[in-house]
Amino acid sequence: MSHIVIIQGHPTAGGGHFCHALAEAYARGAAEGGHDVRQILVAELDFPLLRSKRDWEKSPPPAIAGVQDTIARADHLVIIYPLWLGDMPALLKGFLEQALRPAFMSGTSDPGGNWKTVLKGKSSRIVVTMGMPAFVYRWYFGAHSLRSLKRSILALVGIGPNRHTLIGAVEGMSEAKRKVWLERMRRLGAGAR
């Protein structure tokens, strides 16, 4: 059994978007697979944006402190968001800045003197939806924001392997194709992948 945390990065609260349906399908599959599943709904958290290094070094607001504990207990993180202006929505970026503060990430050394961060050894799945075809995002734009999230945020704090799923052309997607994607998410959840 794995402890899975789904970070729902769609900035609209209350559901109703394909990102929400994907998260629910993944959660359903994970529960069917016998995994412990928690969800963090970024749009429902109350936190300010960080505006200085000094703010970043302070203690987090209560909403963030609670989810830091949830993230620390996870074996596998699933981050789901729509591509907005070529990147993750600002609210999700603001959440990651709040949650991954130095005090939370500061490592400890084990008896052998090896440095270890609180997220070392966790894996992730990043699910990105977009209006353009996924191959255009990947080949023409180089999936730059996805690469930045994987390398400059997740790998930097010790999370890996970092897998991804890109879902393109969502606005014109048929109901049958949506069902195929939801089933894929359910299967990924069952396997904690």
Protein backbone atom coordinates (compact mmCIF):
# COMPACT_ATOMS: atom_id res chain seq x y z
CA MET A 1 0.00 0.00 0.00
CA SER A 2 1.24 3.46 -0.94
CA HIS A 3 0.31 6.80 0.56
CA ILE A 4 -0.75 8.98 -2.37
CA VAL A 5 -1.37 12.71 -2.31
CA ILE A 6 -3.18 14.29 -5.25
CA ILE A 7 -2.50 18.01 -5.59
CA GLN A 8 -5.38 19.44 -7.58
CA GLY A 9 -3.86 22.52 -9.18
CA HIS A 10 -6.85 23.78 -11.13
CA PRO A 11 -7.46 27.30 -9.78
CA THR A 12 -11.26 27.01 -9.94
CA ALA A 13 -12.80 25.61 -6.77
CA GLY A 14 -15.81 23.33 -6.72
CA GLY A 15 -15.02 20.94 -9.55
CA GLY A 16 -16.61 20.83 -12.97
CA HIS A 17 -13.41 20.83 -15.03
CA PHE A 18 -11.64 17.93 -16.70
CA CYS A 19 -8.74 18.26 -14.24
CA HIS A 20 -11.18 17.56 -11.41
CA ALA A 21 -12.56 14.49 -13.21
CA LEU A 22 -9.01 13.21 -13.82
CA ALA A 23 -8.16 13.60 -10.12
CA GLU A 24 -11.31 11.77 -9.09
CA ALA A 25 -10.59 8.92 -11.53
CA TYR A 26 -7.03 8.59 -10.21
CA ALA A 27 -8.28 8.66 -6.60
CA ARG A 28 -10.93 6.04 -7.35
CA GLY A 29 -8.35 3.75 -8.94
CA ALA A 30 -5.92 4.24 -6.06
CA ALA A 31 -8.61 3.38 -3.52
CA GLU A 32 -9.53 0.28 -5.55
CA GLY A 33 -5.84 -0.67 -5.52
CA GLY A 34 -5.78 -0.52 -1.71
CA HIS A 35 -3.77 2.70 -1.47
CA ASP A 36 -4.31 5.49 1.03
CA VAL A 37 -5.36 8.61 -0.93
CA ARG A 38 -5.49 12.24 0.17
CA GLN A 39 -6.33 15.26 -1.96
CA ILE A 40 -5.10 18.82 -1.64
CA LEU A 41 -7.43 21.23 -3.41
CA VAL A 42 -5.22 24.27 -3.98
CA ALA A 43 -8.15 26.50 -5.01
CA GLU A 44 -9.79 25.95 -1.62
CA LEU A 45 -6.75 26.91 0.47
CA ASP A 46 -6.38 30.41 1.90
CA PHE A 47 -2.79 31.63 1.57
CA PRO A 48 -1.04 34.80 0.43
CA LEU A 49 1.50 34.96 -2.35
CA LEU A 50 5.10 35.31 -1.19
CA ARG A 51 6.62 38.67 -2.04
CA SER A 52 10.12 38.51 -0.57
CA LYS A 53 12.84 36.12 0.54
CA ARG A 54 12.10 37.14 4.13
CA ASP A 55 8.45 36.04 3.67
CA TRP A 56 9.67 32.72 2.23
CA GLU A 57 11.86 32.09 5.27
CA LYS A 58 9.05 32.67 7.79
CA SER A 59 6.69 30.05 9.14
CA PRO A 60 3.90 29.12 6.72
CA PRO A 61 0.28 30.14 7.22
CA PRO A 62 -1.94 27.50 8.91
CA ALA A 63 -3.46 26.24 5.64
CA ILE A 64 -0.01 25.47 4.27
CA ALA A 65 1.37 23.94 7.50
CA GLY A 66 -1.41 21.35 7.42
CA VAL A 67 -0.75 20.29 3.84
CA GLN A 68 3.00 20.14 4.44
CA ASP A 69 2.36 17.28 6.88
CA THR A 70 0.21 15.54 4.27
CA ILE A 71 2.93 15.93 1.63
CA ALA A 72 5.65 14.71 4.02
CA ARG A 73 3.71 11.46 4.67
CA ALA A 74 3.17 10.71 0.97
CA ASP A 75 5.03 8.06 -1.00
CA HIS A 76 3.71 9.33 -4.32
CA LEU A 77 2.50 12.78 -5.40
CA VAL A 78 0.12 13.43 -8.29
CA ILE A 79 0.05 17.03 -9.50
CA ILE A 80 -2.80 17.90 -11.88
CA TYR A 81 -3.23 21.25 -13.60
CA PRO A 82 -4.29 22.97 -16.83
CA LEU A 83 -1.67 24.68 -18.95
CA TRP A 84 -2.28 28.43 -18.75
CA LEU A 85 -0.16 30.82 -20.83
CA GLY A 86 2.35 28.03 -21.33
CA ASP A 87 2.81 27.24 -17.65
CA MET A 88 1.07 26.06 -14.49
CA PRO A 89 -1.55 28.47 -13.13
CA ALA A 90 -0.11 31.15 -10.82
CA LEU A 91 -2.13 29.82 -7.88
CA LEU A 92 -0.42 26.42 -8.11
CA LYS A 93 3.01 28.05 -8.41
CA GLY A 94 2.20 30.19 -5.38
CA PHE A 95 1.15 27.07 -3.47
CA LEU A 96 4.41 25.27 -4.31
CA GLU A 97 6.40 28.32 -3.19
CA GLN A 98 4.49 28.35 0.09
CA ALA A 99 4.67 24.59 0.72
CA LEU A 100 8.31 24.05 -0.23
CA ARG A 101 9.78 26.60 2.16
CA PRO A 102 13.34 26.10 3.45
CA ALA A 103 12.22 25.15 6.97
CA PHE A 104 10.04 22.36 5.52
CA MET A 105 12.68 21.18 3.08
CA SER A 106 15.66 21.41 5.41
CA GLY A 107 17.31 18.08 5.52
CA THR A 108 18.53 16.04 8.40
CA SER A 109 21.48 13.75 8.58
CA ASP A 110 21.10 10.12 9.51
CA PRO A 111 23.53 8.35 11.89
CA GLY A 112 25.89 7.79 8.95
CA GLY A 113 26.04 11.52 8.26
CA ASN A 114 24.12 11.27 4.98
CA TRP A 115 21.99 14.30 4.12
CA LYS A 116 18.29 13.57 3.60
CA THR A 117 15.42 15.90 2.78
CA VAL A 118 11.84 15.19 3.82
CA LEU A 119 10.81 14.46 0.20
CA LYS A 120 13.74 12.25 -0.79
CA GLY A 121 12.57 8.99 -2.34
CA LYS A 122 9.02 10.06 -3.17
CA SER A 123 7.82 9.70 -6.75
CA SER A 124 5.45 11.85 -8.77
CA ARG A 125 3.05 11.87 -11.70
CA ILE A 126 2.36 15.24 -13.32
CA VAL A 127 -0.85 15.47 -15.35
CA VAL A 128 -1.19 18.52 -17.60
CA THR A 129 -4.26 19.34 -19.67
CA MET A 130 -4.15 21.88 -22.50
CA GLY A 131 -6.10 23.30 -25.38
CA MET A 132 -3.38 22.67 -27.97
CA PRO A 133 -2.45 19.18 -29.13
CA ALA A 134 0.01 17.63 -26.68
CA PHE A 135 2.57 16.92 -29.43
CA VAL A 136 2.69 20.65 -30.24
CA TYR A 137 3.44 21.45 -26.59
CA ARG A 138 6.06 18.71 -26.46
CA TRP A 139 7.83 19.20 -29.79
CA TYR A 140 7.37 22.86 -30.71
CA PHE A 141 7.42 24.39 -27.23
CA GLY A 142 9.73 21.75 -25.74
CA ALA A 143 7.36 21.14 -22.82
CA HIS A 144 9.37 23.84 -21.09
CA SER A 145 7.12 24.36 -18.07
CA LEU A 146 6.83 20.62 -17.45
CA ARG A 147 10.61 20.28 -17.63
CA SER A 148 10.99 23.19 -15.23
CA LEU A 149 8.60 21.61 -12.71
CA LYS A 150 10.34 18.23 -12.95
CA ARG A 151 13.93 19.49 -12.80
CA SER A 152 13.89 22.81 -10.99
CA ILE A 153 11.29 22.02 -8.35
CA LEU A 154 10.59 18.30 -7.85
CA ALA A 155 14.03 16.81 -8.52
CA LEU A 156 15.68 19.67 -6.64
CA VAL A 157 13.78 18.77 -3.47
CA GLY A 158 14.52 15.05 -3.85
CA ILE A 159 11.37 13.79 -5.58
CA GLY A 160 11.89 11.24 -8.32
CA PRO A 161 11.19 9.52 -10.56
CA ASN A 162 8.89 12.17 -11.99
CA ARG A 163 6.59 10.79 -14.67
CA HIS A 164 4.06 12.78 -16.66
CA THR A 165 0.89 12.56 -18.70
CA LEU A 166 0.08 15.26 -21.25
CA ILE A 167 -3.54 15.54 -22.39
CA GLY A 168 -4.03 17.86 -25.32
CA ALA A 169 -6.98 19.33 -27.22
CA VAL A 170 -9.28 19.00 -24.22
CA GLU A 171 -11.79 21.65 -25.28
CA GLY A 172 -12.82 19.79 -28.42
CA MET A 173 -12.40 16.30 -26.99
CA SER A 174 -15.24 13.84 -27.52
CA GLU A 175 -16.96 12.22 -24.58
CA ALA A 176 -15.60 8.83 -25.69
CA LYS A 177 -12.02 10.15 -25.66
CA ARG A 178 -12.56 11.70 -22.23
CA LYS A 179 -13.68 8.31 -20.94
CA VAL A 180 -10.51 6.73 -22.32
CA TRP A 181 -8.38 9.28 -20.42
CA LEU A 182 -10.38 8.80 -17.23
CA GLU A 183 -9.86 5.05 -17.46
CA ARG A 184 -6.12 5.56 -17.96
CA MET A 185 -6.05 7.72 -14.82
CA ARG A 186 -7.99 5.08 -12.90
CA ARG A 187 -5.45 2.42 -13.94
CA LEU A 188 -2.52 4.67 -13.03
CA GLY A 189 -4.10 5.23 -9.63
CA ALA A 190 -4.60 1.51 -9.04
CA GLY A 191 -0.90 0.97 -9.71
CA ALA A 192 0.19 4.05 -7.73
CA ARG A 193 2.05 5.29 -10.83
